[in-house]
Amino acid sequence: SRLALETALDRYYSGPGAPIPEMLHAALDAANQRVFEEAEVNPLYHGMGTTVSIVVLHGDCAYVAQVGDSRVYISRAGARAYQVTDDHSLVAEQVRNGYLSEEEARNHSLKNLITRAVGIKNTVKIDLFALNVKQGDALLICSDGLSNMVGDAEISRVMSMSNVQGAARTLIGRALRNGGNDNVTAILLRITRTPP
């Protein structure tokens, strides 16, 4: 994860002034290649990979890049939080295709079997999204350790809290109390003014 993050950041900030989606794609391509190469030369790391969710705020747009089953949610005042990203997992694909219900997926023995990750192959398919954002919107980036332990309705309710730091702590606390059998990572931000 650290290797992918460092490589993606280096590539994103050192790249030419291309459009943000192109820069995000190039950054994750570089991260994928670096992790894959490390796993190829070091037998201890054979088969290693990581999930990645990135959000770049620019003006009234949020650009999202996604690989794996970490998630990005957006919440707007008066509306329920919406999951922006699609989980790249076997079970999530079965839900999208109508073979499993959300409840069946939540308790499925293969729910953590991901179909895409940075570094497991020499190329990776990256999902890119662009969202219009406005003042008051909240964005959550979280690992599956949170989304597997806290339901979407609860995530939505907590994201609407006025204290962003307290809301993030509440989400992590709920995930840990509900079992916390994976790492639990959450970044929550609220847009208080239009970013430059």
Protein backbone atom coordinates (compact mmCIF):
# COMPACT_ATOMS: atom_id res chain seq x y z
CA SER A 1 0.00 0.00 0.00
CA ARG A 2 2.78 2.42 0.93
CA LEU A 3 4.72 1.66 -2.26
CA ALA A 4 1.60 2.23 -4.39
CA LEU A 5 0.79 5.48 -2.57
CA GLU A 6 4.31 6.90 -2.84
CA THR A 7 4.58 5.97 -6.51
CA ALA A 8 1.14 7.38 -7.38
CA LEU A 9 1.86 10.66 -5.59
CA ASP A 10 5.28 11.03 -7.23
CA ARG A 11 3.83 10.39 -10.68
CA TYR A 12 0.78 12.61 -10.17
CA TYR A 13 2.75 15.62 -8.94
CA SER A 14 5.67 15.23 -11.35
CA GLY A 15 3.60 14.64 -14.47
CA PRO A 16 2.86 17.25 -17.12
CA GLY A 17 -0.09 19.60 -16.67
CA ALA A 18 -2.48 17.17 -18.36
CA PRO A 19 -6.19 16.96 -17.45
CA ILE A 20 -6.71 15.54 -13.96
CA PRO A 21 -8.32 12.25 -15.10
CA GLU A 22 -5.31 11.56 -17.35
CA MET A 23 -2.92 12.37 -14.50
CA LEU A 24 -4.82 10.07 -12.12
CA HIS A 25 -4.77 7.26 -14.66
CA ALA A 26 -1.03 7.70 -15.25
CA ALA A 27 -0.40 7.81 -11.49
CA LEU A 28 -2.22 4.52 -10.88
CA ASP A 29 -0.62 2.90 -13.92
CA ALA A 30 2.79 3.82 -12.50
CA ALA A 31 1.82 2.54 -9.05
CA ASN A 32 0.58 -0.71 -10.53
CA GLN A 33 3.78 -1.24 -12.50
CA ARG A 34 5.99 -0.46 -9.49
CA VAL A 35 4.16 -2.86 -7.15
CA PHE A 36 4.06 -5.56 -9.83
CA GLU A 37 7.81 -5.22 -10.49
CA GLU A 38 8.61 -5.37 -6.77
CA ALA A 39 6.59 -8.57 -6.43
CA GLU A 40 8.39 -10.06 -9.44
CA VAL A 41 11.91 -9.48 -8.07
CA ASN A 42 11.26 -10.24 -4.40
CA PRO A 43 9.83 -13.73 -3.70
CA LEU A 44 8.54 -12.55 -0.30
CA TYR A 45 6.17 -10.17 -2.08
CA HIS A 46 4.93 -12.55 -4.79
CA GLY A 47 1.25 -11.87 -5.53
CA MET A 48 1.04 -8.74 -3.39
CA GLY A 49 -1.43 -6.06 -4.36
CA THR A 50 -3.46 -3.26 -2.88
CA THR A 51 -6.73 -1.42 -3.34
CA VAL A 52 -6.63 2.30 -4.10
CA SER A 53 -9.22 5.07 -3.92
CA ILE A 54 -8.13 8.62 -4.76
CA VAL A 55 -10.12 11.86 -4.70
CA VAL A 56 -8.80 15.09 -6.21
CA LEU A 57 -10.82 18.26 -5.56
CA HIS A 58 -10.48 21.00 -8.16
CA GLY A 59 -12.94 23.87 -8.31
CA ASP A 60 -16.45 22.46 -8.17
CA CYS A 61 -15.37 18.98 -9.31
CA ALA A 62 -14.24 15.90 -7.45
CA TYR A 63 -12.25 13.45 -9.56
CA VAL A 64 -12.17 9.86 -8.30
CA ALA A 65 -9.85 7.02 -9.31
CA GLN A 66 -10.63 3.52 -8.03
CA VAL A 67 -9.18 0.01 -8.08
CA GLY A 68 -10.38 -2.68 -5.65
CA ASP A 69 -13.00 -2.68 -2.92
CA SER A 70 -12.21 0.46 -0.96
CA ARG A 71 -15.00 2.97 -1.44
CA VAL A 72 -15.80 6.62 -2.01
CA TYR A 73 -19.14 8.03 -0.83
CA ILE A 74 -20.63 11.50 -1.31
CA SER A 75 -23.26 13.00 0.94
CA ARG A 76 -25.30 16.14 0.28
CA ALA A 77 -27.55 17.90 2.78
CA GLY A 78 -31.06 16.48 2.72
CA ALA A 79 -30.07 13.39 0.74
CA ARG A 80 -28.78 9.95 1.59
CA ALA A 81 -25.07 9.26 1.03
CA TYR A 82 -24.33 7.72 -2.34
CA GLN A 83 -21.56 5.18 -3.07
CA VAL A 84 -19.66 6.65 -6.02
CA THR A 85 -17.37 3.70 -6.70
CA ASP A 86 -18.10 0.10 -7.61
CA ASP A 87 -16.46 -2.64 -5.55
CA HIS A 88 -14.18 -4.80 -7.67
CA SER A 89 -15.04 -8.02 -5.90
CA LEU A 90 -16.61 -11.30 -6.93
CA VAL A 91 -19.55 -10.85 -4.56
CA ALA A 92 -20.20 -7.24 -5.64
CA GLU A 93 -20.30 -8.35 -9.27
CA GLN A 94 -22.85 -11.02 -8.31
CA VAL A 95 -25.00 -8.36 -6.62
CA ARG A 96 -24.79 -6.06 -9.67
CA ASN A 97 -25.82 -8.99 -11.90
CA GLY A 98 -28.76 -9.92 -9.65
CA TYR A 99 -27.41 -13.26 -8.38
CA LEU A 100 -27.11 -12.14 -4.73
CA SER A 101 -28.99 -9.65 -2.58
CA GLU A 102 -27.16 -6.96 -0.60
CA GLU A 103 -27.86 -8.90 2.61
CA GLU A 104 -26.55 -12.16 1.16
CA ALA A 105 -23.43 -10.33 -0.02
CA ARG A 106 -22.78 -8.81 3.41
CA ASN A 107 -22.46 -12.27 4.98
CA HIS A 108 -20.97 -14.17 2.03
CA SER A 109 -17.83 -16.22 2.70
CA LEU A 110 -16.14 -14.79 -0.43
CA LYS A 111 -16.99 -11.12 0.18
CA ASN A 112 -13.30 -10.17 0.43
CA LEU A 113 -12.24 -11.90 -2.81
CA ILE A 114 -11.35 -8.95 -5.03
CA THR A 115 -11.24 -9.10 -8.82
CA ARG A 116 -9.00 -6.09 -9.34
CA ALA A 117 -6.06 -4.70 -7.38
CA VAL A 118 -3.00 -2.56 -8.00
CA GLY A 119 0.09 -4.71 -8.55
CA ILE A 120 -1.28 -8.22 -9.09
CA LYS A 121 -0.89 -8.06 -12.90
CA ASN A 122 1.36 -5.95 -15.13
CA THR A 123 -1.67 -3.89 -16.21
CA VAL A 124 -4.76 -2.79 -14.29
CA LYS A 125 -8.17 -1.43 -15.27
CA ILE A 126 -8.84 1.82 -13.44
CA ASP A 127 -12.31 3.30 -12.85
CA LEU A 128 -12.49 7.09 -13.15
CA PHE A 129 -15.40 9.28 -12.04
CA ALA A 130 -16.07 13.04 -12.04
CA LEU A 131 -18.63 14.60 -9.71
CA ASN A 132 -19.92 18.12 -9.30
CA VAL A 133 -19.57 19.17 -5.67
CA LYS A 134 -20.85 22.13 -3.75
CA GLN A 135 -20.49 23.74 -0.38
CA GLY A 136 -21.68 21.44 2.41
CA ASP A 137 -21.04 18.18 0.54
CA ALA A 138 -19.15 15.48 2.44
CA LEU A 139 -16.84 12.90 0.88
CA LEU A 140 -15.78 9.67 2.55
CA ILE A 141 -12.92 7.45 1.41
CA CYS A 142 -12.89 4.19 3.34
CA SER A 143 -11.48 0.69 3.34
CA ASP A 144 -13.67 -2.39 3.21
CA GLY A 145 -12.87 -2.85 6.89
CA LEU A 146 -15.34 -0.01 7.48
CA SER A 147 -17.91 -0.66 4.73
CA ASN A 148 -18.15 -4.39 5.58
CA MET A 149 -18.90 -3.60 9.24
CA VAL A 150 -21.14 -0.51 8.97
CA GLY A 151 -24.20 -0.42 6.73
CA ASP A 152 -24.83 2.25 4.13
CA ALA A 153 -27.74 3.77 6.10
CA GLU A 154 -25.50 4.22 9.16
CA ILE A 155 -22.65 5.58 7.03
CA SER A 156 -25.07 8.10 5.54
CA ARG A 157 -26.40 9.17 8.95
CA VAL A 158 -22.94 9.64 10.44
CA MET A 159 -21.63 11.51 7.38
CA SER A 160 -24.30 14.16 7.98
CA MET A 161 -22.90 15.02 11.44
CA SER A 162 -21.57 18.58 11.62
CA ASN A 163 -18.25 17.62 13.26
CA VAL A 164 -16.25 15.86 10.54
CA GLN A 165 -13.51 14.60 12.86
CA GLY A 166 -16.10 13.26 15.29
CA ALA A 167 -18.01 11.62 12.45
CA ALA A 168 -14.88 9.83 11.20
CA ARG A 169 -14.12 8.60 14.71
CA THR A 170 -17.71 7.43 15.09
CA LEU A 171 -17.55 5.44 11.86
CA ILE A 172 -14.28 3.77 12.85
CA GLY A 173 -15.63 3.06 16.34
CA ARG A 174 -18.79 1.46 14.92
CA ALA A 175 -16.74 -0.76 12.60
CA LEU A 176 -14.53 -1.90 15.47
CA ARG A 177 -17.52 -2.58 17.75
CA ASN A 178 -19.22 -4.56 14.96
CA GLY A 179 -16.29 -6.95 14.67
CA GLY A 180 -13.41 -4.97 13.15
CA ASN A 181 -11.84 -8.04 11.56
CA ASP A 182 -9.91 -6.03 8.92
CA ASN A 183 -8.05 -2.74 8.92
CA VAL A 184 -10.46 0.17 9.30
CA THR A 185 -9.46 3.30 7.43
CA ALA A 186 -11.59 6.39 6.85
CA ILE A 187 -10.96 9.87 5.52
CA LEU A 188 -13.95 12.20 5.77
CA LEU A 189 -14.03 15.76 4.50
CA ARG A 190 -16.67 18.41 4.12
CA ILE A 191 -16.47 21.14 1.51
CA THR A 192 -16.77 24.48 3.28
CA ARG A 193 -15.82 26.56 0.24
CA THR A 194 -15.07 25.89 -3.41
CA PRO A 195 -11.51 24.55 -3.68
CA PRO A 196 -9.13 26.48 -5.94
